Amino acid sequence: EQRQKDQEEQRLKEEEEQIINSEEEKKELPCRGYNVLDGNADVSDNEGHGTFVAGLLSAKKDGVGIDGLLPKNIKIMPIKAITNFQGFTYKGKVVSSYIARAIAFAVNNGADVINLSLGIPKVIETPQLISAIDYALEKDVIVVAAAGNNNKKKNIFPCNYDGVICVGGIDIQGEKVASSN
């Protein structure tokens, strides 16, 4: 198992070192994920939230369960940037630094849309994260972020940032769910 992880990490490093000459070439690459927390390819979801959201988007249209929202030709690039944090840090770094790295990785590896099913308080809204979002928007990457789930009329970052599409929850009748900001 460790040998397999080591090989996967080496493969990921080699891919990152490749020089890609055009946006078209980036789009032709296989869609592999990255764990910015630990610097490896282990994108397993300890919380289940990211996997749940990806499933809503990409569920197979086969008449069983739900139909995903995306056409078959769309790829999902899983990037792990959040886990069970104690406070707002992981391994001594503020959470927003990992989110910024994840955004940069996605942009640099051909993402057209970045979904941030997360929200952070103003206290950890860092210049590094603001720069990463600016970078994505400058590269014409669509950035979507969660409005939050605590029924507040309070802005949370990055949903409140200019240029970011802010998404809240609705019920089957199209009404705002009670928990959604």
N, C-alpha and C. Protein backbone atom coordinates (compact mmCIF):
# COMPACT_ATOMS: atom_id res chain seq x y z
N GLU A 1 0.82 -1.19 0.00
CA GLU A 1 0.00 0.00 0.00
C GLU A 1 0.87 1.26 0.00
N GLN A 2 1.92 1.28 0.83
CA GLN A 2 2.81 2.44 0.87
C GLN A 2 3.53 2.60 -0.46
N ARG A 3 3.95 1.46 -1.05
CA ARG A 3 4.63 1.50 -2.35
C ARG A 3 3.72 2.11 -3.41
N GLN A 4 2.44 1.72 -3.39
CA GLN A 4 1.48 2.25 -4.35
C GLN A 4 1.30 3.76 -4.15
N LYS A 5 1.23 4.21 -2.90
CA LYS A 5 1.11 5.64 -2.62
C LYS A 5 2.34 6.39 -3.09
N ASP A 6 3.52 5.82 -2.86
CA ASP A 6 4.76 6.45 -3.29
C ASP A 6 4.80 6.58 -4.82
N GLN A 7 4.37 5.52 -5.52
CA GLN A 7 4.34 5.55 -6.98
C GLN A 7 3.35 6.61 -7.48
N GLU A 8 2.21 6.71 -6.82
CA GLU A 8 1.21 7.70 -7.20
C GLU A 8 1.74 9.12 -6.98
N GLU A 9 2.42 9.33 -5.87
CA GLU A 9 3.02 10.65 -5.60
C GLU A 9 4.06 10.99 -6.65
N GLN A 10 4.89 10.03 -7.03
CA GLN A 10 5.91 10.26 -8.05
C GLN A 10 5.25 10.58 -9.39
N ARG A 11 4.21 9.84 -9.74
CA ARG A 11 3.51 10.08 -10.99
C ARG A 11 2.94 11.49 -11.02
N LEU A 12 2.36 11.92 -9.90
CA LEU A 12 1.77 13.24 -9.82
C LEU A 12 2.85 14.32 -9.97
N LYS A 13 3.99 14.13 -9.31
CA LYS A 13 5.09 15.09 -9.43
C LYS A 13 5.56 15.19 -10.87
N GLU A 14 5.70 14.05 -11.54
CA GLU A 14 6.14 14.05 -12.93
C GLU A 14 5.15 14.78 -13.82
N GLU A 15 3.87 14.57 -13.60
CA GLU A 15 2.85 15.26 -14.38
C GLU A 15 2.89 16.76 -14.15
N GLU A 16 3.11 17.17 -12.91
CA GLU A 16 3.17 18.60 -12.60
C GLU A 16 4.36 19.26 -13.27
N GLU A 17 5.44 18.50 -13.47
CA GLU A 17 6.65 19.05 -14.07
C GLU A 17 6.57 19.15 -15.59
N GLN A 18 5.60 18.48 -16.19
CA GLN A 18 5.46 18.54 -17.64
C GLN A 18 5.13 19.97 -18.07
N ILE A 19 5.73 20.39 -19.16
CA ILE A 19 5.41 21.71 -19.71
C ILE A 19 4.26 21.53 -20.69
N ILE A 20 3.23 22.28 -20.45
CA ILE A 20 2.05 22.20 -21.32
C ILE A 20 2.01 23.48 -22.12
N ASN A 21 1.94 23.36 -23.44
CA ASN A 21 2.07 24.52 -24.31
C ASN A 21 0.79 25.29 -24.55
N SER A 22 -0.36 24.67 -24.38
CA SER A 22 -1.60 25.38 -24.70
C SER A 22 -2.75 24.94 -23.80
N GLU A 23 -3.79 25.76 -23.79
CA GLU A 23 -5.00 25.42 -23.04
C GLU A 23 -5.64 24.16 -23.61
N GLU A 24 -5.57 23.98 -24.93
CA GLU A 24 -6.14 22.79 -25.56
C GLU A 24 -5.45 21.53 -25.06
N GLU A 25 -4.13 21.57 -24.92
CA GLU A 25 -3.39 20.42 -24.41
C GLU A 25 -3.80 20.11 -22.97
N LYS A 26 -4.01 21.14 -22.16
CA LYS A 26 -4.43 20.93 -20.78
C LYS A 26 -5.76 20.18 -20.73
N LYS A 27 -6.67 20.53 -21.61
CA LYS A 27 -8.00 19.93 -21.61
C LYS A 27 -7.96 18.46 -22.03
N GLU A 28 -6.91 18.04 -22.71
CA GLU A 28 -6.79 16.66 -23.16
C GLU A 28 -6.14 15.75 -22.11
N LEU A 29 -5.59 16.33 -21.05
CA LEU A 29 -4.94 15.52 -20.02
C LEU A 29 -5.96 14.70 -19.25
N PRO A 30 -5.53 13.55 -18.71
CA PRO A 30 -6.44 12.81 -17.84
C PRO A 30 -6.78 13.67 -16.62
N CYS A 31 -7.96 13.51 -16.11
CA CYS A 31 -8.41 14.33 -14.99
C CYS A 31 -8.09 13.61 -13.69
N ARG A 32 -7.00 13.96 -13.06
CA ARG A 32 -6.60 13.35 -11.79
C ARG A 32 -6.64 14.41 -10.71
N GLY A 33 -6.83 13.98 -9.52
CA GLY A 33 -6.93 14.90 -8.41
C GLY A 33 -5.62 15.12 -7.69
N TYR A 34 -5.72 15.97 -6.67
CA TYR A 34 -4.54 16.30 -5.89
C TYR A 34 -4.96 16.66 -4.48
N ASN A 35 -4.19 16.24 -3.52
CA ASN A 35 -4.42 16.53 -2.12
C ASN A 35 -3.44 17.64 -1.72
N VAL A 36 -3.93 18.88 -1.64
CA VAL A 36 -3.05 19.99 -1.28
C VAL A 36 -2.69 19.98 0.19
N LEU A 37 -3.44 19.26 1.00
CA LEU A 37 -3.15 19.19 2.43
C LEU A 37 -1.86 18.42 2.70
N ASP A 38 -1.69 17.33 1.97
CA ASP A 38 -0.56 16.44 2.23
C ASP A 38 0.39 16.31 1.04
N GLY A 39 0.10 17.02 -0.06
CA GLY A 39 0.99 17.00 -1.22
C GLY A 39 1.07 15.67 -1.92
N ASN A 40 -0.08 14.97 -2.01
CA ASN A 40 -0.08 13.68 -2.70
C ASN A 40 -1.38 13.51 -3.49
N ALA A 41 -1.59 12.34 -4.03
CA ALA A 41 -2.76 12.08 -4.87
C ALA A 41 -3.92 11.45 -4.10
N ASP A 42 -3.82 11.34 -2.79
CA ASP A 42 -4.89 10.75 -1.98
C ASP A 42 -5.99 11.78 -1.77
N VAL A 43 -7.05 11.68 -2.57
CA VAL A 43 -8.16 12.62 -2.47
C VAL A 43 -9.37 12.01 -1.78
N SER A 44 -9.13 10.96 -0.98
CA SER A 44 -10.24 10.33 -0.26
C SER A 44 -10.93 11.38 0.61
N ASP A 45 -12.24 11.27 0.69
CA ASP A 45 -13.08 12.27 1.35
C ASP A 45 -13.44 11.80 2.75
N ASN A 46 -12.79 12.36 3.75
CA ASN A 46 -13.05 11.98 5.14
C ASN A 46 -14.41 12.46 5.63
N GLU A 47 -14.93 13.52 5.03
CA GLU A 47 -16.17 14.14 5.48
C GLU A 47 -17.39 13.67 4.68
N GLY A 48 -17.20 13.35 3.41
CA GLY A 48 -18.29 12.94 2.55
C GLY A 48 -18.95 14.08 1.78
N HIS A 49 -18.69 15.31 2.17
CA HIS A 49 -19.37 16.45 1.55
C HIS A 49 -18.96 16.65 0.09
N GLY A 50 -17.67 16.64 -0.17
CA GLY A 50 -17.20 16.84 -1.55
C GLY A 50 -17.68 15.73 -2.47
N THR A 51 -17.63 14.50 -1.97
CA THR A 51 -18.10 13.36 -2.76
C THR A 51 -19.60 13.47 -3.04
N PHE A 52 -20.35 13.91 -2.05
CA PHE A 52 -21.79 14.10 -2.22
C PHE A 52 -22.08 15.13 -3.31
N VAL A 53 -21.40 16.27 -3.26
CA VAL A 53 -21.62 17.33 -4.25
C VAL A 53 -21.20 16.85 -5.64
N ALA A 54 -20.05 16.18 -5.73
CA ALA A 54 -19.61 15.65 -7.03
C ALA A 54 -20.62 14.64 -7.57
N GLY A 55 -21.20 13.85 -6.69
CA GLY A 55 -22.21 12.87 -7.09
C GLY A 55 -23.46 13.53 -7.64
N LEU A 56 -23.88 14.64 -7.03
CA LEU A 56 -25.04 15.37 -7.56
C LEU A 56 -24.77 15.87 -8.97
N LEU A 57 -23.55 16.28 -9.21
CA LEU A 57 -23.20 16.81 -10.52
C LEU A 57 -23.01 15.71 -11.57
N SER A 58 -22.46 14.58 -11.16
CA SER A 58 -22.03 13.60 -12.15
C SER A 58 -22.73 12.25 -12.10
N ALA A 59 -23.80 12.12 -11.32
CA ALA A 59 -24.49 10.83 -11.23
C ALA A 59 -24.88 10.33 -12.62
N LYS A 60 -24.70 9.05 -12.83
CA LYS A 60 -24.98 8.42 -14.12
C LYS A 60 -26.46 8.52 -14.44
N LYS A 61 -26.77 8.91 -15.66
CA LYS A 61 -28.16 9.01 -16.11
C LYS A 61 -28.57 7.63 -16.63
N ASP A 62 -29.04 6.79 -15.68
CA ASP A 62 -29.35 5.41 -16.03
C ASP A 62 -30.73 4.98 -15.55
N GLY A 63 -31.54 5.94 -15.10
CA GLY A 63 -32.88 5.61 -14.62
C GLY A 63 -32.91 5.08 -13.20
N VAL A 64 -31.76 5.03 -12.54
CA VAL A 64 -31.68 4.57 -11.16
C VAL A 64 -31.23 5.73 -10.30
N GLY A 65 -31.96 6.02 -9.24
CA GLY A 65 -31.57 7.12 -8.37
C GLY A 65 -31.73 8.46 -9.05
N ILE A 66 -30.77 9.34 -8.83
CA ILE A 66 -30.84 10.68 -9.43
C ILE A 66 -30.05 10.75 -10.71
N ASP A 67 -30.36 11.73 -11.53
CA ASP A 67 -29.58 12.04 -12.72
C ASP A 67 -28.66 13.20 -12.40
N GLY A 68 -27.41 13.07 -12.74
CA GLY A 68 -26.46 14.16 -12.54
C GLY A 68 -26.78 15.34 -13.43
N LEU A 69 -26.23 16.48 -13.09
CA LEU A 69 -26.49 17.71 -13.83
C LEU A 69 -25.56 17.91 -15.01
N LEU A 70 -24.44 17.21 -15.03
CA LEU A 70 -23.43 17.44 -16.05
C LEU A 70 -23.54 16.45 -17.20
N PRO A 71 -23.21 16.90 -18.41
CA PRO A 71 -23.15 15.95 -19.52
C PRO A 71 -21.99 14.97 -19.33
N LYS A 72 -22.04 13.86 -20.05
CA LYS A 72 -21.04 12.79 -19.90
C LYS A 72 -19.61 13.24 -20.17
N ASN A 73 -19.44 14.22 -21.05
CA ASN A 73 -18.08 14.61 -21.44
C ASN A 73 -17.39 15.53 -20.44
N ILE A 74 -18.06 15.89 -19.36
CA ILE A 74 -17.46 16.75 -18.34
C ILE A 74 -16.68 15.88 -17.35
N LYS A 75 -15.49 16.33 -17.00
CA LYS A 75 -14.66 15.61 -16.04
C LYS A 75 -14.63 16.38 -14.73
N ILE A 76 -14.53 15.66 -13.64
CA ILE A 76 -14.37 16.27 -12.32
C ILE A 76 -12.93 16.04 -11.87
N MET A 77 -12.27 17.12 -11.46
CA MET A 77 -10.91 17.05 -10.93
C MET A 77 -11.01 17.15 -9.40
N PRO A 78 -10.94 16.04 -8.70
CA PRO A 78 -11.06 16.10 -7.24
C PRO A 78 -9.81 16.70 -6.61
N ILE A 79 -10.02 17.69 -5.77
CA ILE A 79 -8.91 18.32 -5.05
C ILE A 79 -9.29 18.36 -3.58
N LYS A 80 -8.45 17.79 -2.75
CA LYS A 80 -8.71 17.76 -1.32
C LYS A 80 -8.00 18.94 -0.67
N ALA A 81 -8.80 19.85 -0.10
CA ALA A 81 -8.24 21.04 0.54
C ALA A 81 -8.80 21.25 1.93
N ILE A 82 -9.71 20.39 2.36
CA ILE A 82 -10.35 20.54 3.67
C ILE A 82 -10.46 19.16 4.31
N THR A 83 -10.34 19.11 5.60
CA THR A 83 -10.53 17.88 6.36
C THR A 83 -11.01 18.28 7.76
N ASN A 84 -10.97 17.38 8.71
CA ASN A 84 -11.36 17.71 10.08
C ASN A 84 -10.32 18.63 10.71
N PHE A 85 -10.57 19.92 10.65
CA PHE A 85 -9.62 20.87 11.21
C PHE A 85 -9.91 21.12 12.67
N GLN A 86 -8.87 21.40 13.41
CA GLN A 86 -9.01 21.86 14.78
C GLN A 86 -8.82 23.38 14.70
N GLY A 87 -9.90 24.14 14.89
CA GLY A 87 -9.82 25.58 14.66
C GLY A 87 -9.78 25.82 13.17
N PHE A 88 -8.97 26.76 12.74
CA PHE A 88 -8.87 27.08 11.32
C PHE A 88 -7.50 26.78 10.75
N THR A 89 -6.82 25.76 11.32
CA THR A 89 -5.50 25.42 10.84
C THR A 89 -5.36 23.92 10.59
N TYR A 90 -4.37 23.58 9.79
CA TYR A 90 -4.00 22.19 9.54
C TYR A 90 -2.48 22.17 9.40
N LYS A 91 -1.82 21.36 10.20
CA LYS A 91 -0.37 21.27 10.18
C LYS A 91 0.28 22.66 10.30
N GLY A 92 -0.29 23.50 11.13
CA GLY A 92 0.29 24.81 11.41
C GLY A 92 0.01 25.89 10.39
N LYS A 93 -0.76 25.57 9.33
CA LYS A 93 -1.09 26.58 8.32
C LYS A 93 -2.58 26.87 8.37
N VAL A 94 -2.92 28.12 8.07
CA VAL A 94 -4.32 28.52 8.05
C VAL A 94 -5.03 27.83 6.87
N VAL A 95 -6.27 27.42 7.09
CA VAL A 95 -7.05 26.68 6.10
C VAL A 95 -7.09 27.38 4.75
N SER A 96 -7.21 28.70 4.76
CA SER A 96 -7.34 29.43 3.50
C SER A 96 -6.11 29.28 2.61
N SER A 97 -4.94 28.99 3.18
CA SER A 97 -3.75 28.79 2.33
C SER A 97 -3.90 27.52 1.51
N TYR A 98 -4.52 26.49 2.07
CA TYR A 98 -4.76 25.25 1.32
C TYR A 98 -5.81 25.46 0.23
N ILE A 99 -6.84 26.22 0.56
CA ILE A 99 -7.88 26.50 -0.44
C ILE A 99 -7.27 27.28 -1.60
N ALA A 100 -6.39 28.25 -1.30
CA ALA A 100 -5.72 29.03 -2.34
C ALA A 100 -4.87 28.12 -3.23
N ARG A 101 -4.14 27.19 -2.62
CA ARG A 101 -3.33 26.25 -3.40
C ARG A 101 -4.20 25.37 -4.29
N ALA A 102 -5.36 24.96 -3.77
CA ALA A 102 -6.27 24.12 -4.54
C ALA A 102 -6.80 24.88 -5.76
N ILE A 103 -7.16 26.12 -5.56
CA ILE A 103 -7.66 26.95 -6.67
C ILE A 103 -6.57 27.09 -7.74
N ALA A 104 -5.35 27.41 -7.32
CA ALA A 104 -4.25 27.56 -8.28
C ALA A 104 -3.99 26.25 -9.02
N PHE A 105 -4.01 25.13 -8.31
CA PHE A 105 -3.81 23.83 -8.95
C PHE A 105 -4.88 23.60 -10.02
N ALA A 106 -6.13 23.86 -9.68
CA ALA A 106 -7.22 23.65 -10.63
C ALA A 106 -7.05 24.52 -11.87
N VAL A 107 -6.77 25.79 -11.67
CA VAL A 107 -6.59 26.70 -12.80
C VAL A 107 -5.42 26.26 -13.66
N ASN A 108 -4.30 25.94 -13.03
CA ASN A 108 -3.10 25.56 -13.77
C ASN A 108 -3.21 24.21 -14.47
N ASN A 109 -4.23 23.44 -14.12
CA ASN A 109 -4.40 22.13 -14.72
C ASN A 109 -5.66 22.03 -15.56
N GLY A 110 -6.15 23.16 -16.05
CA GLY A 110 -7.18 23.16 -17.08
C GLY A 110 -8.62 23.24 -16.63
N ALA A 111 -8.89 23.55 -15.37
CA ALA A 111 -10.29 23.65 -14.92
C ALA A 111 -10.99 24.81 -15.62
N ASP A 112 -12.24 24.58 -15.99
CA ASP A 112 -13.09 25.64 -16.55
C ASP A 112 -14.00 26.22 -15.48
N VAL A 113 -14.34 25.39 -14.50
CA VAL A 113 -15.22 25.79 -13.40
C VAL A 113 -14.62 25.25 -12.11
N ILE A 114 -14.63 26.07 -11.07
CA ILE A 114 -14.20 25.63 -9.75
C ILE A 114 -15.39 25.73 -8.82
N ASN A 115 -15.74 24.60 -8.20
CA ASN A 115 -16.83 24.57 -7.24
C ASN A 115 -16.25 24.54 -5.83
N LEU A 116 -16.58 25.56 -5.05
CA LEU A 116 -16.13 25.63 -3.66
C LEU A 116 -17.36 25.46 -2.78
N SER A 117 -17.66 24.24 -2.42
CA SER A 117 -18.80 23.97 -1.56
C SER A 117 -18.37 24.19 -0.11
N LEU A 118 -18.00 25.42 0.16
CA LEU A 118 -17.48 25.77 1.46
C LEU A 118 -17.66 27.27 1.68
N GLY A 119 -17.50 27.66 2.90
CA GLY A 119 -17.50 29.07 3.25
C GLY A 119 -16.61 29.27 4.46
N ILE A 120 -15.92 30.38 4.48
CA ILE A 120 -15.02 30.65 5.60
C ILE A 120 -15.35 32.01 6.20
N PRO A 121 -15.07 32.19 7.47
CA PRO A 121 -15.32 33.48 8.10
C PRO A 121 -14.29 34.53 7.69
N LYS A 122 -14.66 35.78 7.86
CA LYS A 122 -13.80 36.91 7.50
C LYS A 122 -12.41 36.81 8.13
N VAL A 123 -12.32 36.25 9.32
CA VAL A 123 -11.07 36.21 10.06
C VAL A 123 -9.97 35.43 9.32
N ILE A 124 -10.33 34.48 8.45
CA ILE A 124 -9.31 33.75 7.70
C ILE A 124 -9.37 34.03 6.20
N GLU A 125 -10.02 35.12 5.83
CA GLU A 125 -10.03 35.58 4.43
C GLU A 125 -8.69 36.27 4.18
N THR A 126 -7.74 35.55 3.63
CA THR A 126 -6.38 36.03 3.49
C THR A 126 -6.10 36.63 2.11
N PRO A 127 -5.09 37.48 2.00
CA PRO A 127 -4.68 38.00 0.68
C PRO A 127 -4.32 36.88 -0.29
N GLN A 128 -3.73 35.80 0.22
CA GLN A 128 -3.37 34.66 -0.63
C GLN A 128 -4.61 34.05 -1.28
N LEU A 129 -5.67 33.90 -0.51
CA LEU A 129 -6.90 33.32 -1.05
C LEU A 129 -7.58 34.28 -2.01
N ILE A 130 -7.60 35.55 -1.68
CA ILE A 130 -8.17 36.56 -2.58
C ILE A 130 -7.41 36.56 -3.91
N SER A 131 -6.08 36.48 -3.84
CA SER A 131 -5.26 36.44 -5.06
C SER A 131 -5.56 35.20 -5.89
N ALA A 132 -5.77 34.07 -5.24
CA ALA A 132 -6.08 32.83 -5.97
C ALA A 132 -7.41 32.95 -6.70
N ILE A 133 -8.39 33.53 -6.05
CA ILE A 133 -9.69 33.71 -6.71
C ILE A 133 -9.56 34.71 -7.86
N ASP A 134 -8.83 35.80 -7.64
CA ASP A 134 -8.57 36.76 -8.71
C ASP A 134 -7.88 36.07 -9.89
N TYR A 135 -6.91 35.21 -9.60
CA TYR A 135 -6.18 34.49 -10.63
C TYR A 135 -7.15 33.63 -11.46
N ALA A 136 -8.02 32.91 -10.79
CA ALA A 136 -9.00 32.08 -11.50
C ALA A 136 -9.90 32.94 -12.38
N LEU A 137 -10.41 34.02 -11.83
CA LEU A 137 -11.32 34.88 -12.60
C LEU A 137 -10.60 35.53 -13.78
N GLU A 138 -9.34 35.94 -13.59
CA GLU A 138 -8.55 36.53 -14.68
C GLU A 138 -8.33 35.53 -15.81
N LYS A 139 -8.27 34.24 -15.47
CA LYS A 139 -8.08 33.18 -16.46
C LYS A 139 -9.42 32.69 -17.02
N ASP A 140 -10.49 33.44 -16.74
CA ASP A 140 -11.85 33.11 -17.20
C ASP A 140 -12.36 31.77 -16.69
N VAL A 141 -11.93 31.39 -15.50
CA VAL A 141 -12.44 30.20 -14.83
C VAL A 141 -13.63 30.64 -13.98
N ILE A 142 -14.74 29.96 -14.13
CA ILE A 142 -15.94 30.27 -13.35
C ILE A 142 -15.74 29.73 -11.94
N VAL A 143 -16.00 30.59 -10.95
CA VAL A 143 -15.86 30.19 -9.55
C VAL A 143 -17.25 30.22 -8.90
N VAL A 144 -17.65 29.09 -8.35
CA VAL A 144 -18.94 28.94 -7.68
C VAL A 144 -18.67 28.61 -6.22
N ALA A 145 -19.41 29.27 -5.31
CA ALA A 145 -19.19 29.02 -3.89
C ALA A 145 -20.52 28.92 -3.16
N ALA A 146 -20.50 28.23 -2.03
CA ALA A 146 -21.69 28.03 -1.21
C ALA A 146 -22.05 29.29 -0.44
N ALA A 147 -23.36 29.53 -0.33
CA ALA A 147 -23.86 30.66 0.45
C ALA A 147 -23.76 30.39 1.94
N GLY A 148 -23.76 29.13 2.32
CA GLY A 148 -23.70 28.76 3.73
C GLY A 148 -25.00 28.11 4.16
N ASN A 149 -24.94 27.41 5.28
CA ASN A 149 -26.08 26.62 5.74
C ASN A 149 -26.49 26.93 7.17
N ASN A 150 -26.43 28.20 7.56
CA ASN A 150 -26.82 28.51 8.93
C ASN A 150 -27.90 29.59 9.02
N ASN A 151 -28.67 29.77 7.95
CA ASN A 151 -29.83 30.67 7.90
C ASN A 151 -29.50 32.06 8.42
N LYS A 152 -28.38 32.61 7.97
CA LYS A 152 -27.97 33.96 8.36
C LYS A 152 -28.00 34.86 7.13
N LYS A 153 -28.12 36.13 7.37
CA LYS A 153 -28.02 37.10 6.28
C LYS A 153 -26.62 37.71 6.30
N LYS A 154 -25.67 36.92 6.69
CA LYS A 154 -24.29 37.35 6.84
C LYS A 154 -23.48 36.84 5.65
N ASN A 155 -22.64 37.71 5.10
CA ASN A 155 -21.78 37.29 4.00
C ASN A 155 -20.71 36.34 4.50
N ILE A 156 -20.46 35.28 3.73
CA ILE A 156 -19.33 34.42 4.02
C ILE A 156 -18.46 34.39 2.77
N PHE A 157 -17.19 34.23 2.99
CA PHE A 157 -16.24 34.23 1.91
C PHE A 157 -16.04 32.79 1.43
N PRO A 158 -15.88 32.53 0.19
CA PRO A 158 -15.72 33.43 -0.95
C PRO A 158 -17.02 33.77 -1.67
N CYS A 159 -18.15 33.33 -1.13
CA CYS A 159 -19.43 33.57 -1.79
C CYS A 159 -19.70 35.07 -2.01
N ASN A 160 -19.26 35.90 -1.10
CA ASN A 160 -19.53 37.33 -1.19
C ASN A 160 -18.54 38.08 -2.07
N TYR A 161 -17.61 37.40 -2.67
CA TYR A 161 -16.55 38.04 -3.45
C TYR A 161 -17.05 38.38 -4.85
N ASP A 162 -16.73 39.57 -5.33
CA ASP A 162 -17.13 39.99 -6.68
C ASP A 162 -16.63 39.00 -7.72
N GLY A 163 -17.52 38.59 -8.60
CA GLY A 163 -17.17 37.67 -9.67
C GLY A 163 -17.45 36.22 -9.35
N VAL A 164 -17.68 35.89 -8.08
CA VAL A 164 -17.97 34.52 -7.67
C VAL A 164 -19.48 34.30 -7.71
N ILE A 165 -19.90 33.18 -8.25
CA ILE A 165 -21.32 32.83 -8.27
C ILE A 165 -21.66 32.21 -6.93
N CYS A 166 -22.60 32.83 -6.22
CA CYS A 166 -22.99 32.38 -4.88
C CYS A 166 -24.24 31.51 -4.99
N VAL A 167 -24.19 30.31 -4.42
CA VAL A 167 -25.28 29.35 -4.56
C VAL A 167 -25.85 28.98 -3.19
N GLY A 168 -27.16 29.12 -3.05
CA GLY A 168 -27.86 28.70 -1.84
C GLY A 168 -28.72 27.49 -2.12
N GLY A 169 -29.37 26.99 -1.09
CA GLY A 169 -30.20 25.79 -1.23
C GLY A 169 -31.66 26.11 -1.42
N ILE A 170 -32.32 25.33 -2.29
CA ILE A 170 -33.77 25.45 -2.50
C ILE A 170 -34.41 24.08 -2.35
N ASP A 171 -35.70 24.09 -2.07
CA ASP A 171 -36.42 22.83 -1.95
C ASP A 171 -37.07 22.47 -3.28
N ILE A 172 -37.84 21.41 -3.29
CA ILE A 172 -38.44 20.91 -4.53
C ILE A 172 -39.42 21.91 -5.16
N GLN A 173 -39.96 22.82 -4.35
CA GLN A 173 -40.86 23.85 -4.88
C GLN A 173 -40.09 25.09 -5.33
N GLY A 174 -38.77 25.09 -5.20
CA GLY A 174 -37.97 26.23 -5.61
C GLY A 174 -37.86 27.33 -4.56
N GLU A 175 -38.28 27.01 -3.33
CA GLU A 175 -38.19 27.97 -2.22
C GLU A 175 -36.89 27.74 -1.45
N LYS A 176 -36.35 28.82 -0.89
CA LYS A 176 -35.14 28.72 -0.09
C LYS A 176 -35.36 27.77 1.08
N VAL A 177 -34.44 26.82 1.26
CA VAL A 177 -34.54 25.95 2.43
C VAL A 177 -34.19 26.75 3.68
N ALA A 178 -34.79 26.39 4.78
CA ALA A 178 -34.63 27.16 6.01
C ALA A 178 -33.19 27.34 6.43
N SER A 179 -32.35 26.35 6.20
CA SER A 179 -30.96 26.44 6.65
C SER A 179 -30.06 27.27 5.75
N SER A 180 -30.47 27.53 4.53
CA SER A 180 -29.60 28.22 3.56
C SER A 180 -29.49 29.72 3.87
N ASN A 181 -28.28 30.24 3.71
CA ASN A 181 -28.09 31.70 3.80
C ASN A 181 -28.68 32.33 2.55
